[in-house]
Amino acid sequence: MRRDLLLFDRFGVDRRDRSSARAVPAAAVAEEQVLREVRRILNTRSVRPVDRQGLRCTVLDYGLPDFSHCWPHSEDQASELAYAIRKTLDAFEPRLKVENVHVALPSQQRASLLAIIGGTLIGGAAPKPVQFAVSIREPLEW
């Protein structure tokens, strides 16, 4: 099996038929894969408290810590949530180097937040600057 395949691209490849192996996805496909994973991470709640952000994370800590106690209209709490988003993505999405995070509350949907994440995709042929707008849903009402 070729070593340049991503983990999920290796599933379904017949090990005897090397011609069926697909090459590493193009930059646009890789960007879409990272965006999909970022959405998955940020819409999964972790039982890990926010104050454990600096400690080593395991798969049991996967996801964003519960932020139902935050009121995003407060600048301090929005900054705290942006910090938690950044640390969570640093821990669980190694293909994305997060450079900035801005949290906004969409006026139409009070049950979701909008995170604007700016950073760089790494690991490809060349680093690529990206910006993602990700809706974060909270199952509890504020």
C-alpha atoms as a PDB file:
ATOM      1  CA  MET A   1       0.000   0.000   0.000  1.00  0.00           C
ATOM      2  CA  ARG A   2       1.267   3.457  -0.822  1.00  0.00           C
ATOM      3  CA  ARG A   3       2.460   5.543   2.115  1.00  0.00           C
ATOM      4  CA  ASP A   4       1.238   8.854   0.667  1.00  0.00           C
ATOM      5  CA  LEU A   5      -2.440   7.955   1.169  1.00  0.00           C
ATOM      6  CA  LEU A   6      -4.425   9.566   3.959  1.00  0.00           C
ATOM      7  CA  LEU A   7      -5.747   7.163   6.565  1.00  0.00           C
ATOM      8  CA  PHE A   8      -9.392   7.312   5.452  1.00  0.00           C
ATOM      9  CA  ASP A   9      -8.356   6.988   1.801  1.00  0.00           C
ATOM     10  CA  ARG A  10      -6.760   3.622   2.614  1.00  0.00           C
ATOM     11  CA  PHE A  11     -10.078   2.007   3.532  1.00  0.00           C
ATOM     12  CA  GLY A  12     -11.565   0.006   0.710  1.00  0.00           C
ATOM     13  CA  VAL A  13      -8.295  -0.279  -1.218  1.00  0.00           C
ATOM     14  CA  ASP A  14      -7.558  -3.841  -2.231  1.00  0.00           C
ATOM     15  CA  ARG A  15      -4.051  -4.524  -0.942  1.00  0.00           C
ATOM     16  CA  ARG A  16      -3.366  -6.939  -3.808  1.00  0.00           C
ATOM     17  CA  ASP A  17      -4.323  -4.415  -6.502  1.00  0.00           C
ATOM     18  CA  ARG A  18      -1.912  -1.513  -6.169  1.00  0.00           C
ATOM     19  CA  SER A  19      -3.381   0.233  -9.224  1.00  0.00           C
ATOM     20  CA  SER A  20      -6.591   0.967  -7.269  1.00  0.00           C
ATOM     21  CA  ALA A  21      -4.761   3.199  -4.782  1.00  0.00           C
ATOM     22  CA  ARG A  22      -5.762   6.831  -5.117  1.00  0.00           C
ATOM     23  CA  ALA A  23      -3.262   9.664  -4.875  1.00  0.00           C
ATOM     24  CA  VAL A  24      -3.323  12.240  -2.083  1.00  0.00           C
ATOM     25  CA  PRO A  25      -6.327  14.524  -2.603  1.00  0.00           C
ATOM     26  CA  ALA A  26      -5.903  17.856  -4.355  1.00  0.00           C
ATOM     27  CA  ALA A  27      -5.677  21.015  -2.243  1.00  0.00           C
ATOM     28  CA  ALA A  28      -9.391  21.794  -2.606  1.00  0.00           C
ATOM     29  CA  VAL A  29     -10.370  18.286  -1.530  1.00  0.00           C
ATOM     30  CA  ALA A  30      -7.972  18.426   1.422  1.00  0.00           C
ATOM     31  CA  GLU A  31      -9.466  21.777   2.444  1.00  0.00           C
ATOM     32  CA  GLU A  32     -12.968  20.273   2.334  1.00  0.00           C
ATOM     33  CA  GLN A  33     -11.814  17.294   4.430  1.00  0.00           C
ATOM     34  CA  VAL A  34     -10.345  19.618   7.066  1.00  0.00           C
ATOM     35  CA  LEU A  35     -13.494  21.787   7.111  1.00  0.00           C
ATOM     36  CA  ARG A  36     -15.656  18.686   7.577  1.00  0.00           C
ATOM     37  CA  GLU A  37     -13.480  17.536  10.486  1.00  0.00           C
ATOM     38  CA  VAL A  38     -13.464  21.022  12.063  1.00  0.00           C
ATOM     39  CA  ARG A  39     -17.278  21.045  11.940  1.00  0.00           C
ATOM     40  CA  ARG A  40     -17.368  17.594  13.514  1.00  0.00           C
ATOM     41  CA  ILE A  41     -14.955  18.585  16.297  1.00  0.00           C
ATOM     42  CA  LEU A  42     -16.705  21.844  17.153  1.00  0.00           C
ATOM     43  CA  ASN A  43     -20.177  20.290  17.187  1.00  0.00           C
ATOM     44  CA  THR A  44     -19.138  17.501  19.543  1.00  0.00           C
ATOM     45  CA  ARG A  45     -19.187  18.287  23.267  1.00  0.00           C
ATOM     46  CA  SER A  46     -16.389  17.092  25.472  1.00  0.00           C
ATOM     47  CA  VAL A  47     -16.718  16.371  29.168  1.00  0.00           C
ATOM     48  CA  ARG A  48     -13.293  17.940  29.643  1.00  0.00           C
ATOM     49  CA  PRO A  49     -13.586  21.277  31.459  1.00  0.00           C
ATOM     50  CA  VAL A  50     -12.207  24.390  29.786  1.00  0.00           C
ATOM     51  CA  ASP A  51      -9.535  24.786  32.484  1.00  0.00           C
ATOM     52  CA  ARG A  52      -7.928  21.483  31.374  1.00  0.00           C
ATOM     53  CA  GLN A  53      -7.103  22.924  27.962  1.00  0.00           C
ATOM     54  CA  GLY A  54      -3.358  22.943  28.611  1.00  0.00           C
ATOM     55  CA  LEU A  55      -3.197  19.262  29.549  1.00  0.00           C
ATOM     56  CA  ARG A  56      -2.599  16.442  27.080  1.00  0.00           C
ATOM     57  CA  CYS A  57      -5.825  15.395  25.366  1.00  0.00           C
ATOM     58  CA  THR A  58      -6.913  11.880  24.490  1.00  0.00           C
ATOM     59  CA  VAL A  59      -9.685  10.600  22.242  1.00  0.00           C
ATOM     60  CA  LEU A  60     -11.910  10.624  25.327  1.00  0.00           C
ATOM     61  CA  ASP A  61     -11.547  14.430  25.347  1.00  0.00           C
ATOM     62  CA  TYR A  62     -12.530  14.783  21.655  1.00  0.00           C
ATOM     63  CA  GLY A  63     -14.682  17.824  20.967  1.00  0.00           C
ATOM     64  CA  LEU A  64     -15.270  21.306  22.280  1.00  0.00           C
ATOM     65  CA  PRO A  65     -15.766  21.676  26.035  1.00  0.00           C
ATOM     66  CA  ASP A  66     -19.320  22.538  27.092  1.00  0.00           C
ATOM     67  CA  PHE A  67     -19.884  26.272  26.707  1.00  0.00           C
ATOM     68  CA  SER A  68     -23.527  26.478  27.750  1.00  0.00           C
ATOM     69  CA  HIS A  69     -22.471  28.651  30.702  1.00  0.00           C
ATOM     70  CA  CYS A  70     -21.082  31.310  28.329  1.00  0.00           C
ATOM     71  CA  TRP A  71     -23.039  34.287  27.075  1.00  0.00           C
ATOM     72  CA  PRO A  72     -21.352  35.154  23.765  1.00  0.00           C
ATOM     73  CA  HIS A  73     -22.590  38.756  23.867  1.00  0.00           C
ATOM     74  CA  SER A  74     -20.068  39.229  26.666  1.00  0.00           C
ATOM     75  CA  GLU A  75     -16.702  40.133  25.145  1.00  0.00           C
ATOM     76  CA  ASP A  76     -14.789  38.286  27.888  1.00  0.00           C
ATOM     77  CA  GLN A  77     -16.776  35.081  27.473  1.00  0.00           C
ATOM     78  CA  ALA A  78     -16.609  35.268  23.676  1.00  0.00           C
ATOM     79  CA  SER A  79     -12.805  35.539  24.029  1.00  0.00           C
ATOM     80  CA  GLU A  80     -12.800  32.553  26.392  1.00  0.00           C
ATOM     81  CA  LEU A  81     -14.813  30.531  23.891  1.00  0.00           C
ATOM     82  CA  ALA A  82     -12.518  31.558  21.017  1.00  0.00           C
ATOM     83  CA  TYR A  83      -9.539  30.414  23.116  1.00  0.00           C
ATOM     84  CA  ALA A  84     -11.253  27.048  23.803  1.00  0.00           C
ATOM     85  CA  ILE A  85     -11.963  26.624  20.066  1.00  0.00           C
ATOM     86  CA  ARG A  86      -8.347  27.355  19.194  1.00  0.00           C
ATOM     87  CA  LYS A  87      -6.955  24.925  21.778  1.00  0.00           C
ATOM     88  CA  THR A  88      -9.427  22.217  20.775  1.00  0.00           C
ATOM     89  CA  LEU A  89      -8.478  22.508  17.108  1.00  0.00           C
ATOM     90  CA  ASP A  90      -4.765  22.568  18.010  1.00  0.00           C
ATOM     91  CA  ALA A  91      -5.279  19.275  19.859  1.00  0.00           C
ATOM     92  CA  PHE A  92      -7.484  17.431  17.373  1.00  0.00           C
ATOM     93  CA  GLU A  93      -6.822  18.777  13.865  1.00  0.00           C
ATOM     94  CA  PRO A  94      -3.081  18.635  13.099  1.00  0.00           C
ATOM     95  CA  ARG A  95      -3.533  19.629   9.430  1.00  0.00           C
ATOM     96  CA  LEU A  96      -4.709  23.113  10.455  1.00  0.00           C
ATOM     97  CA  LYS A  97      -2.474  25.702  12.104  1.00  0.00           C
ATOM     98  CA  VAL A  98      -5.024  28.047  13.703  1.00  0.00           C
ATOM     99  CA  GLU A  99      -3.969  31.683  13.667  1.00  0.00           C
ATOM    100  CA  ASN A 100      -7.151  33.477  14.748  1.00  0.00           C
ATOM    101  CA  VAL A 101     -10.679  32.718  15.893  1.00  0.00           C
ATOM    102  CA  HIS A 102     -13.596  35.139  16.087  1.00  0.00           C
ATOM    103  CA  VAL A 103     -16.905  34.133  17.678  1.00  0.00           C
ATOM    104  CA  ALA A 104     -20.150  35.822  16.641  1.00  0.00           C
ATOM    105  CA  LEU A 105     -23.773  35.145  17.486  1.00  0.00           C
ATOM    106  CA  PRO A 106     -25.896  35.052  14.324  1.00  0.00           C
ATOM    107  CA  SER A 107     -28.905  37.294  14.875  1.00  0.00           C
ATOM    108  CA  GLN A 108     -31.420  34.909  13.267  1.00  0.00           C
ATOM    109  CA  GLN A 109     -30.369  31.739  15.099  1.00  0.00           C
ATOM    110  CA  ARG A 110     -29.989  32.184  18.789  1.00  0.00           C
ATOM    111  CA  ALA A 111     -29.219  28.466  19.249  1.00  0.00           C
ATOM    112  CA  SER A 112     -25.977  28.591  17.300  1.00  0.00           C
ATOM    113  CA  LEU A 113     -22.742  30.524  17.165  1.00  0.00           C
ATOM    114  CA  LEU A 114     -20.635  31.368  14.171  1.00  0.00           C
ATOM    115  CA  ALA A 115     -16.898  30.788  14.498  1.00  0.00           C
ATOM    116  CA  ILE A 116     -14.656  32.415  11.912  1.00  0.00           C
ATOM    117  CA  ILE A 117     -11.397  30.455  11.922  1.00  0.00           C
ATOM    118  CA  GLY A 118      -8.352  31.697  10.079  1.00  0.00           C
ATOM    119  CA  GLY A 119      -5.245  29.637   9.654  1.00  0.00           C
ATOM    120  CA  THR A 120      -2.978  27.654   7.396  1.00  0.00           C
ATOM    121  CA  LEU A 121      -3.378  24.139   6.004  1.00  0.00           C
ATOM    122  CA  ILE A 122      -0.124  22.290   6.488  1.00  0.00           C
ATOM    123  CA  GLY A 123       1.114  18.936   5.322  1.00  0.00           C
ATOM    124  CA  GLY A 124       0.503  19.399   1.613  1.00  0.00           C
ATOM    125  CA  ALA A 125       2.914  20.432  -1.093  1.00  0.00           C
ATOM    126  CA  ALA A 126       2.817  24.022   0.179  1.00  0.00           C
ATOM    127  CA  PRO A 127       1.089  25.699   3.141  1.00  0.00           C
ATOM    128  CA  LYS A 128      -2.259  27.193   2.119  1.00  0.00           C
ATOM    129  CA  PRO A 129      -4.011  30.042   3.956  1.00  0.00           C
ATOM    130  CA  VAL A 130      -7.667  29.260   4.711  1.00  0.00           C
ATOM    131  CA  GLN A 131     -10.623  30.819   6.457  1.00  0.00           C
ATOM    132  CA  PHE A 132     -13.586  28.757   7.629  1.00  0.00           C
ATOM    133  CA  ALA A 133     -16.982  29.936   8.859  1.00  0.00           C
ATOM    134  CA  VAL A 134     -18.362  27.189  11.075  1.00  0.00           C
ATOM    135  CA  SER A 135     -21.776  27.106  12.728  1.00  0.00           C
ATOM    136  CA  ILE A 136     -21.564  25.696  16.255  1.00  0.00           C
ATOM    137  CA  ARG A 137     -24.833  24.333  17.567  1.00  0.00           C
ATOM    138  CA  GLU A 138     -25.583  24.102  21.262  1.00  0.00           C
ATOM    139  CA  PRO A 139     -28.293  21.637  22.249  1.00  0.00           C
ATOM    140  CA  LEU A 140     -29.221  23.682  25.316  1.00  0.00           C
ATOM    141  CA  GLU A 141     -30.964  27.029  24.976  1.00  0.00           C
ATOM    142  CA  TRP A 142     -29.302  30.109  26.376  1.00  0.00           C
END
